[in-house]
Amino acid sequence: MKSQAWKNKGLCITLDTEIFFDKYEDDVGLREAVDELCSICPVRKECLAAGVSRKESGVWGGVYLDQGKISREFNNHKKNKEWFGVWAGMTMDNYAV
């Protein structure tokens, strides 16, 4: 089993995990704040990879997943600029939004 030590480096480590699940779904205003936090997190790549590979639901690496797949419903607030930031952050070294 691959190490999960990356979790301890996440900016969300001390936060209420419900902001990445039920609260994210229910509060459109909260979504942008969570997305911003994830966009500067040093482990967002590992987080998204974990969410996809384990078929998780909720926010993983700044992307709301539904059973490991991108949820159109809970990511529909993201504009092209935000999606560029998400994917650039995942694929380019040292890219910050």
C-alpha atoms as a PDB file:
ATOM      1  CA  MET A   1       0.000   0.000   0.000  1.00  0.00           C
ATOM      2  CA  LYS A   2       1.304   3.433  -0.968  1.00  0.00           C
ATOM      3  CA  SER A   3       2.124   5.820   1.869  1.00  0.00           C
ATOM      4  CA  GLN A   4      -0.520   8.339   2.847  1.00  0.00           C
ATOM      5  CA  ALA A   5       2.015  10.653   4.549  1.00  0.00           C
ATOM      6  CA  TRP A   6       1.160  13.380   2.029  1.00  0.00           C
ATOM      7  CA  LYS A   7      -2.129  13.948   3.879  1.00  0.00           C
ATOM      8  CA  ASN A   8      -0.259  15.505   6.795  1.00  0.00           C
ATOM      9  CA  LYS A   9       1.027  18.243   4.460  1.00  0.00           C
ATOM     10  CA  GLY A  10      -2.436  19.227   3.237  1.00  0.00           C
ATOM     11  CA  LEU A  11      -3.682  22.709   4.088  1.00  0.00           C
ATOM     12  CA  CYS A  12      -6.957  21.087   5.109  1.00  0.00           C
ATOM     13  CA  ILE A  13      -5.465  18.858   7.815  1.00  0.00           C
ATOM     14  CA  THR A  14      -7.068  20.815  10.690  1.00  0.00           C
ATOM     15  CA  LEU A  15     -10.316  21.784   8.963  1.00  0.00           C
ATOM     16  CA  ASP A  16     -13.794  20.330   9.298  1.00  0.00           C
ATOM     17  CA  THR A  17     -13.847  17.662   6.585  1.00  0.00           C
ATOM     18  CA  GLU A  18     -17.535  18.327   5.911  1.00  0.00           C
ATOM     19  CA  ILE A  19     -16.564  21.485   3.972  1.00  0.00           C
ATOM     20  CA  PHE A  20     -15.277  19.110   1.282  1.00  0.00           C
ATOM     21  CA  PHE A  21     -18.458  17.048   1.197  1.00  0.00           C
ATOM     22  CA  ASP A  22     -21.970  17.974   2.367  1.00  0.00           C
ATOM     23  CA  LYS A  23     -21.226  21.642   3.123  1.00  0.00           C
ATOM     24  CA  TYR A  24     -19.583  22.047  -0.310  1.00  0.00           C
ATOM     25  CA  GLU A  25     -22.690  20.617  -1.943  1.00  0.00           C
ATOM     26  CA  ASP A  26     -25.065  22.809   0.065  1.00  0.00           C
ATOM     27  CA  ASP A  27     -23.217  26.162   0.107  1.00  0.00           C
ATOM     28  CA  VAL A  28     -22.348  27.623  -3.290  1.00  0.00           C
ATOM     29  CA  GLY A  29     -20.483  30.499  -1.597  1.00  0.00           C
ATOM     30  CA  LEU A  30     -18.242  28.066   0.250  1.00  0.00           C
ATOM     31  CA  ARG A  31     -17.183  26.345  -2.970  1.00  0.00           C
ATOM     32  CA  GLU A  32     -14.973  29.204  -4.154  1.00  0.00           C
ATOM     33  CA  ALA A  33     -13.182  29.409  -0.787  1.00  0.00           C
ATOM     34  CA  VAL A  34     -12.523  25.665  -0.784  1.00  0.00           C
ATOM     35  CA  ASP A  35     -11.337  25.792  -4.409  1.00  0.00           C
ATOM     36  CA  GLU A  36      -8.949  28.629  -3.554  1.00  0.00           C
ATOM     37  CA  LEU A  37      -7.527  26.716  -0.594  1.00  0.00           C
ATOM     38  CA  CYS A  38      -6.965  23.643  -2.739  1.00  0.00           C
ATOM     39  CA  SER A  39      -5.350  25.706  -5.495  1.00  0.00           C
ATOM     40  CA  ILE A  40      -2.454  26.641  -3.221  1.00  0.00           C
ATOM     41  CA  CYS A  41      -2.150  23.322  -1.394  1.00  0.00           C
ATOM     42  CA  PRO A  42       1.249  21.642  -1.788  1.00  0.00           C
ATOM     43  CA  VAL A  43      -0.293  18.153  -2.057  1.00  0.00           C
ATOM     44  CA  ARG A  44      -3.174  18.815  -4.447  1.00  0.00           C
ATOM     45  CA  LYS A  45      -1.765  16.402  -7.054  1.00  0.00           C
ATOM     46  CA  GLU A  46      -1.529  13.538  -4.584  1.00  0.00           C
ATOM     47  CA  CYS A  47      -4.957  14.389  -3.227  1.00  0.00           C
ATOM     48  CA  LEU A  48      -6.664  14.323  -6.628  1.00  0.00           C
ATOM     49  CA  ALA A  49      -4.845  11.120  -7.584  1.00  0.00           C
ATOM     50  CA  ALA A  50      -6.022   9.468  -4.360  1.00  0.00           C
ATOM     51  CA  GLY A  51      -9.609  10.570  -4.916  1.00  0.00           C
ATOM     52  CA  VAL A  52      -9.702   9.287  -8.477  1.00  0.00           C
ATOM     53  CA  SER A  53      -7.904   6.007  -7.822  1.00  0.00           C
ATOM     54  CA  ARG A  54     -10.045   5.162  -4.788  1.00  0.00           C
ATOM     55  CA  LYS A  55     -13.253   6.274  -6.525  1.00  0.00           C
ATOM     56  CA  GLU A  56     -13.987   8.805  -3.791  1.00  0.00           C
ATOM     57  CA  SER A  57     -16.707  11.439  -3.645  1.00  0.00           C
ATOM     58  CA  GLY A  58     -16.176  14.990  -2.406  1.00  0.00           C
ATOM     59  CA  VAL A  59     -13.462  17.568  -3.074  1.00  0.00           C
ATOM     60  CA  TRP A  60     -10.086  16.029  -3.871  1.00  0.00           C
ATOM     61  CA  GLY A  61      -7.305  18.313  -5.081  1.00  0.00           C
ATOM     62  CA  GLY A  62      -9.773  21.101  -5.784  1.00  0.00           C
ATOM     63  CA  VAL A  63     -12.090  18.990  -7.934  1.00  0.00           C
ATOM     64  CA  TYR A  64     -15.427  17.646  -6.728  1.00  0.00           C
ATOM     65  CA  LEU A  65     -15.554  13.954  -7.556  1.00  0.00           C
ATOM     66  CA  ASP A  66     -18.477  11.562  -7.621  1.00  0.00           C
ATOM     67  CA  GLN A  67     -17.161   8.026  -7.243  1.00  0.00           C
ATOM     68  CA  GLY A  68     -13.810   9.092  -8.684  1.00  0.00           C
ATOM     69  CA  LYS A  69     -15.228  10.989 -11.652  1.00  0.00           C
ATOM     70  CA  ILE A  70     -15.535  14.742 -12.102  1.00  0.00           C
ATOM     71  CA  SER A  71     -18.985  15.900 -11.010  1.00  0.00           C
ATOM     72  CA  ARG A  72     -20.491  18.363 -13.466  1.00  0.00           C
ATOM     73  CA  GLU A  73     -23.086  19.381 -10.909  1.00  0.00           C
ATOM     74  CA  PHE A  74     -20.683  20.409  -8.154  1.00  0.00           C
ATOM     75  CA  ASN A  75     -17.982  21.852 -10.416  1.00  0.00           C
ATOM     76  CA  ASN A  76     -20.320  23.916 -12.603  1.00  0.00           C
ATOM     77  CA  HIS A  77     -19.356  27.132 -10.790  1.00  0.00           C
ATOM     78  CA  LYS A  78     -15.822  26.907 -12.208  1.00  0.00           C
ATOM     79  CA  LYS A  79     -15.158  29.052 -15.261  1.00  0.00           C
ATOM     80  CA  ASN A  80     -12.515  28.309 -17.891  1.00  0.00           C
ATOM     81  CA  LYS A  81      -9.942  30.354 -15.969  1.00  0.00           C
ATOM     82  CA  GLU A  82     -10.464  28.249 -12.837  1.00  0.00           C
ATOM     83  CA  TRP A  83     -10.255  24.992 -14.786  1.00  0.00           C
ATOM     84  CA  PHE A  84      -7.028  26.184 -16.386  1.00  0.00           C
ATOM     85  CA  GLY A  85      -5.626  26.833 -12.915  1.00  0.00           C
ATOM     86  CA  VAL A  86      -6.701  23.398 -11.694  1.00  0.00           C
ATOM     87  CA  TRP A  87      -5.146  21.514 -14.609  1.00  0.00           C
ATOM     88  CA  ALA A  88      -2.051  23.692 -14.837  1.00  0.00           C
ATOM     89  CA  GLY A  89      -1.457  23.146 -11.139  1.00  0.00           C
ATOM     90  CA  MET A  90      -1.743  19.408 -11.632  1.00  0.00           C
ATOM     91  CA  THR A  91       0.474  19.177 -14.683  1.00  0.00           C
ATOM     92  CA  MET A  92       3.062  21.973 -14.456  1.00  0.00           C
ATOM     93  CA  ASP A  93       5.841  22.094 -11.900  1.00  0.00           C
ATOM     94  CA  ASN A  94       5.718  25.077  -9.538  1.00  0.00           C
ATOM     95  CA  TYR A  95       2.572  26.534 -11.110  1.00  0.00           C
ATOM     96  CA  ALA A  96       0.491  28.680  -8.787  1.00  0.00           C
ATOM     97  CA  VAL A  97      -2.875  30.165  -9.666  1.00  0.00           C
END
